[in-house]
Structure formats: C-alpha cells, structure tokens
Amino acid sequence: MAAMSWVPGKAYSDDLRARVLSAVDRGGRVYEVAPLFEVSVSYIYKALARRKLTGIETALPKRGRTYATSYAYDAADNLTLLTYPSGRQVEYLRDTMGRVTTVRTRKPATAAWSNIASGIVYQPLSLNVKSFTHGNGLATTNTHTLDYELSRCRVTDGALALIDKSYTRADKLNITSITDNVAPANSLALGYNKPNRLQSAAGPWGT
C-alpha cells in the first residue's frame, strides 16, 4: 500500500491500483472517500470549527441508498446529539462545566427518551465519575483516593450489592490486588517486574 502524504485540497489513492480515492479540504480534513466498489462516504464539518464532524453520509448508488449519521454540538462545541442512520438518537445533557450528566436515547425522533445513564455525579474538581444510575435502575458508586485513583467500585440494586470490588495499588501506580467483596474467592493478586510490566497473577483459576 502506497504511503499517503496529506496535502489540503488534493485527492489521493491509497494504493497503486487506485482502489480508494479520498479528498481533503484546505483544513486538512478528509471529506470524501470513494472506493472502487461504488460506495461513497462523505464527511461534513462544522463551519469555523476545525475537525468538528457534523455528518457522515454513506451512499450506495447501485442500491439507491444513503445512510446518514449526524452530530450536533452546543455553543462550547461539546457533543450534544448523535443521530444514527436508523433514526435512533443519543443525547448528552451537560452541566455548566460541560460534563455529561445524562445520556439518553430514543427511536424514532418523536418517541419518548429513555435513559442510558442519569444523575452522573463527579468528584470535586475532576472528571472522575463518583456515581450514576443505569437505565435499568442499577446504581454505580465509585470511590477514589486523594489522587483520584479508583479504589472501589460498587453496583447495587437497591440495598443488594451485585458488584463490589476494591483496588489496591503499589506506589500509586500498578494495581496489586482486586478484592471481590461480594465473592471473595474471585479476588485477584497481581505482581509486576521493574519495568512495571505484569509478571504474575493469582486468582480463582490459580497462578
């Protein structure tokens, strides 16, 4: 496969037989790919926003079909809505800091929204997720160290703990143990060599 040297505004092929053609705009962004098999893929970008993709259109001329995926953004260029070719939409609701607080979906666009994840709470001054509720009603709660490293993860159904795992680290880096607080026999012990590569593991399967 021949190497491609991307220069804005010029079309290229990815091999000597010209199997795939692609066009690049003046911003260096790929906006069209047309393979030999008559499948044309077009990329649409947001005006005045570098590399903010607003749409992907895949056309199959012989079949008379076009599949479109669209992306919408807020004033801060955060993704807010994703629409798939099937008509399914995924929406991202955000707080004043731009962090996602709810992810929900619907199909078609006139249907009621169903939550995928809601009530997403973050650790102070961090993007680490502290807790959220799944669309099926289960709740996840994460505990972090002062260095914002995950130390415990719990998934509960009301008062019942379905998943409850604690994580221990060496030198605030490698995880040396994963304790299963629901099924202790499934706990893991991990060992590392000097380059910090995983060297050993012990768990319910043995060592």
Foldseek 3Di string as FASTA:
>chain_A
DDDDDQAAADWDAPDPVRQKIWHHHNLSDTAWIAGPQGKIWGWDADPPDPPLTAKIWIDRVVVRDIWMWGWDADPVRQTAWIAGSQQKMWGFDADPVRAGAWIWIDPHPPDDIQTQKHRFDADPPDNHTQKIAGSVGKIKGFDADPVRHTAWIFIARVPRTPWIWGFDDDPVDHTQKIATPVDRQAIKGWDADPVRDTDDMQGNVGD
